[in-house]
Amino acid sequence: MFVLLNTSSIFFLTQTFVRIKIVLKILLNFFKKFLYLQHIECYTFIIHNILWITLWKTRGKPVKCPFCGYEETKVVDSRATEAQDAVRRRRECLKCTQRFTTFERVEEIPLTVIKKSGEREPFDRAKLLAGILRATVKRHIPAAELEKIVSDIETELRNQFKYEVSSKELGEMVLKRLKQMDKVAYIRFASVYREFKDLDEFTRELSGLK
C-alpha cells in the first residue's frame, strides 16, 4: 500500500530525521567525554545538551524562498559542513524554481565577548570572519579554511563550557591558527590586534616568526 506525501509531510519527516541524527551524535559524544570528564562536568554536559538540542533556528517553520517569498521548497542537496557543526542544504522553490542555500545549526547558549573597555557583546561569527578575511587579502587562501578557523574557535570554547571570552583571548586564538596557516596573514592580523606602538615591537614580532 502506497501513501502519497505532500511537501509539508516530507519537510516534517526530514526535520524529524535530522533531529534524531543530531541526538544520536550528542549521545555518542557524551559517552566519549564520560571516559575523561569529572563527575560534575558530565552532568553539566548532559544538562547543556538537553536544554538546547531541540531549539532550532527554523523553529520547525517552512523555509521561505528569498526571491518570491513562497513557503514551499524542496531540498535538492544536503550535507554536513566541514566542521560538522551545521547542515548545508541546497533548496529549490516550487513556485519560481530559484535555488538558494540554507545552513541549519543547533541553537546553543550564546557566547559573549568581553571587550577591552569591559563592555560585553554577543559573539559574532561574521564579524570575526571579516577580520580574518581582511588579513588574508590576496593570500589565495580558500574561504572554506577561513570558515573552519571560526568554527574551530567556537567549538573549542563550547567544548570548554566557556561562554564568556575576552577579545584578547579571542584574538590569540585566531593568531595561533593563522601562524600555522600563513605568516603574512598572521603579521597583518597581529598589527591590528596587538596595536604595535613602534617599529621595534613590529620587528620583534617578525623575529619571532623565524
Protein backbone atom coordinates (compact mmCIF):
# COMPACT_ATOMS: atom_id res chain seq x y z
CA MET A 1 0.00 0.00 0.00
CA PHE A 2 1.48 3.34 -1.04
CA VAL A 3 0.83 6.63 0.77
CA LEU A 4 1.30 9.89 -1.08
CA LEU A 5 3.03 12.55 0.99
CA ASN A 6 2.67 16.25 0.34
CA THR A 7 5.57 18.67 0.61
CA SER A 8 4.73 19.65 4.23
CA SER A 9 4.77 15.99 5.32
CA ILE A 10 8.12 15.39 3.63
CA PHE A 11 9.51 18.54 5.29
CA PHE A 12 8.30 17.31 8.70
CA LEU A 13 9.79 13.84 8.21
CA THR A 14 13.09 15.31 7.04
CA GLN A 15 13.32 17.59 10.09
CA THR A 16 12.47 14.68 12.41
CA PHE A 17 15.19 12.50 10.85
CA VAL A 18 17.78 15.28 11.20
CA ARG A 19 16.90 15.85 14.86
CA ILE A 20 17.15 12.13 15.65
CA LYS A 21 20.55 12.06 13.92
CA ILE A 22 21.75 15.04 16.00
CA VAL A 23 20.51 13.47 19.26
CA LEU A 24 22.40 10.25 18.48
CA LYS A 25 25.53 12.28 17.77
CA ILE A 26 25.18 14.09 21.11
CA LEU A 27 24.79 10.77 22.95
CA LEU A 28 27.88 9.39 21.22
CA ASN A 29 29.89 12.48 22.21
CA PHE A 30 28.67 12.12 25.78
CA PHE A 31 29.92 8.54 26.11
CA LYS A 32 33.29 9.65 24.69
CA LYS A 33 33.54 12.51 27.17
CA PHE A 34 32.43 10.27 30.04
CA LEU A 35 35.77 8.49 29.86
CA TYR A 36 37.76 11.56 30.91
CA LEU A 37 35.44 14.26 32.27
CA GLN A 38 34.99 14.61 36.01
CA HIS A 39 31.67 13.57 37.53
CA ILE A 40 30.25 17.11 37.79
CA GLU A 41 31.38 18.05 34.29
CA CYS A 42 29.49 15.05 32.89
CA TYR A 43 26.25 16.27 34.45
CA THR A 44 26.92 19.76 33.07
CA PHE A 45 27.41 18.27 29.62
CA ILE A 46 24.10 16.35 29.83
CA ILE A 47 22.07 19.32 31.08
CA HIS A 48 23.58 21.65 28.47
CA ASN A 49 22.54 19.41 25.59
CA ILE A 50 19.09 18.52 26.95
CA LEU A 51 18.26 22.23 27.25
CA TRP A 52 19.43 23.28 23.81
CA ILE A 53 19.34 20.37 21.35
CA THR A 54 15.65 20.85 20.46
CA LEU A 55 15.88 24.60 19.84
CA TRP A 56 16.34 25.11 16.09
CA LYS A 57 16.71 28.44 14.36
CA THR A 58 14.00 27.44 11.89
CA ARG A 59 11.59 26.64 14.78
CA GLY A 60 10.08 23.99 12.52
CA LYS A 61 8.58 26.59 10.18
CA PRO A 62 8.72 26.20 6.38
CA VAL A 63 11.68 27.93 4.74
CA LYS A 64 10.53 30.90 2.64
CA CYS A 65 12.03 31.49 -0.78
CA PRO A 66 14.18 34.67 -0.59
CA PHE A 67 13.23 35.53 -4.19
CA CYS A 68 9.42 35.29 -4.18
CA GLY A 69 8.51 34.53 -0.54
CA TYR A 70 6.76 31.23 -1.35
CA GLU A 71 6.81 28.77 1.57
CA GLU A 72 7.04 25.51 -0.36
CA THR A 73 10.59 24.40 -1.22
CA LYS A 74 12.34 21.11 -1.85
CA VAL A 75 15.82 20.05 -0.77
CA VAL A 76 17.98 19.08 -3.75
CA ASP A 77 21.21 18.55 -1.84
CA SER A 78 22.07 18.14 1.85
CA ARG A 79 25.42 17.64 3.53
CA ALA A 80 27.26 18.46 6.74
CA THR A 81 29.75 21.34 6.83
CA GLU A 82 33.46 20.56 7.17
CA ALA A 83 33.37 21.45 10.86
CA GLN A 84 30.39 19.07 11.35
CA ASP A 85 28.56 21.83 13.25
CA ALA A 86 25.80 22.52 10.72
CA VAL A 87 23.82 21.03 7.86
CA ARG A 88 24.11 22.78 4.49
CA ARG A 89 21.03 22.42 2.31
CA ARG A 90 20.55 23.44 -1.30
CA ARG A 91 16.85 24.24 -1.82
CA GLU A 92 14.66 24.92 -4.82
CA CYS A 93 11.47 27.00 -4.72
CA LEU A 94 8.45 25.09 -6.06
CA LYS A 95 6.97 28.29 -7.46
CA CYS A 96 9.75 30.32 -9.11
CA THR A 97 12.27 27.40 -9.31
CA GLN A 98 15.10 29.63 -7.98
CA ARG A 99 17.71 27.84 -5.87
CA PHE A 100 19.28 29.04 -2.62
CA THR A 101 21.37 27.67 0.27
CA THR A 102 20.43 27.42 3.95
CA PHE A 103 22.51 26.41 6.96
CA GLU A 104 20.86 24.67 9.90
CA ARG A 105 22.57 24.76 13.29
CA VAL A 106 21.53 23.67 16.74
CA GLU A 107 20.77 26.79 18.75
CA GLU A 108 23.28 26.92 21.59
CA ILE A 109 23.79 29.03 24.68
CA PRO A 110 25.09 32.32 23.20
CA LEU A 111 28.77 33.18 23.55
CA THR A 112 29.73 36.60 24.89
CA VAL A 113 32.86 38.61 24.05
CA ILE A 114 34.28 40.95 26.70
CA LYS A 115 35.90 43.95 25.00
CA LYS A 116 38.91 45.91 26.31
CA SER A 117 36.56 48.56 27.71
CA GLY A 118 34.74 45.90 29.75
CA GLU A 119 31.68 46.14 27.51
CA ARG A 120 30.05 42.85 26.57
CA GLU A 121 28.71 41.94 23.15
CA PRO A 122 27.41 38.72 21.55
CA PHE A 123 29.96 36.59 19.70
CA ASP A 124 29.57 37.38 16.00
CA ARG A 125 30.89 34.76 13.56
CA ALA A 126 30.53 37.14 10.60
CA LYS A 127 32.49 39.91 12.36
CA LEU A 128 35.34 37.57 13.30
CA LEU A 129 35.46 36.11 9.79
CA ALA A 130 35.52 39.62 8.27
CA GLY A 131 38.61 40.47 10.34
CA ILE A 132 40.35 37.30 9.20
CA LEU A 133 39.40 37.98 5.57
CA ARG A 134 41.00 41.45 5.73
CA ALA A 135 44.22 39.88 6.97
CA THR A 136 44.26 37.31 4.16
CA VAL A 137 43.56 39.60 1.19
CA LYS A 138 45.49 38.40 -1.91
CA ARG A 139 46.92 35.43 0.00
CA HIS A 140 45.00 32.82 -2.05
CA ILE A 141 43.63 31.03 1.00
CA PRO A 142 40.34 29.15 0.35
CA ALA A 143 37.32 30.69 2.07
CA ALA A 144 36.46 27.25 3.48
CA GLU A 145 39.70 27.24 5.50
CA LEU A 146 38.91 30.65 6.99
CA GLU A 147 35.39 29.48 7.86
CA LYS A 148 36.98 26.48 9.55
CA ILE A 149 39.10 28.77 11.76
CA VAL A 150 35.96 30.47 13.07
CA SER A 151 34.14 27.16 13.56
CA ASP A 152 37.13 25.61 15.34
CA ILE A 153 37.35 28.56 17.73
CA GLU A 154 33.63 28.43 18.52
CA THR A 155 33.75 24.66 19.01
CA GLU A 156 36.79 24.92 21.29
CA LEU A 157 35.05 27.48 23.51
CA ARG A 158 31.86 25.42 23.75
CA ASN A 159 33.76 22.20 24.50
CA GLN A 160 35.39 24.02 27.41
CA PHE A 161 31.94 25.25 28.56
CA LYS A 162 33.33 28.76 28.21
CA TYR A 163 30.50 31.14 27.35
CA GLU A 164 32.40 34.37 28.04
CA VAL A 165 35.72 35.12 26.37
CA SER A 166 37.83 38.28 26.33
CA SER A 167 38.60 39.93 22.99
CA LYS A 168 42.29 39.44 23.83
CA GLU A 169 41.92 35.68 24.23
CA LEU A 170 39.79 35.52 21.08
CA GLY A 171 42.50 37.35 19.12
CA GLU A 172 45.18 35.00 20.40
CA MET A 173 43.11 32.00 19.27
CA VAL A 174 42.95 33.48 15.76
CA LEU A 175 46.69 34.30 15.72
CA LYS A 176 47.57 30.76 16.79
CA ARG A 177 45.77 29.36 13.75
CA LEU A 178 46.94 32.00 11.26
CA LYS A 179 50.55 31.47 12.32
CA GLN A 180 50.30 27.85 11.19
CA MET A 181 48.44 28.76 8.00
CA ASP A 182 50.10 31.90 6.58
CA LYS A 183 52.82 34.09 8.12
CA VAL A 184 51.86 37.22 6.15
CA ALA A 185 48.23 36.96 7.26
CA TYR A 186 49.47 36.40 10.81
CA ILE A 187 51.51 39.65 10.79
CA ARG A 188 48.63 41.61 9.25
CA PHE A 189 46.19 40.42 11.90
CA ALA A 190 48.72 40.94 14.70
CA SER A 191 49.49 44.51 13.59
CA VAL A 192 45.82 45.43 14.04
CA TYR A 193 45.02 43.26 17.04
CA ARG A 194 48.17 43.97 19.09
CA GLU A 195 48.38 47.64 18.05
CA PHE A 196 52.19 47.91 17.75
CA LYS A 197 53.32 51.20 19.27
CA ASP A 198 56.58 51.48 17.38
CA LEU A 199 58.82 49.81 14.81
CA ASP A 200 60.75 47.88 17.49
CA GLU A 201 57.63 45.98 18.57
CA PHE A 202 56.83 45.14 14.97
CA THR A 203 60.43 43.98 14.37
CA ARG A 204 60.33 41.75 17.46
CA GLU A 205 57.14 40.13 16.17
CA LEU A 206 58.78 39.45 12.82
CA SER A 207 61.83 37.97 14.52
CA GLY A 208 59.59 35.57 16.43
CA LEU A 209 58.48 34.03 13.14
CA LYS A 210 61.96 32.93 12.12
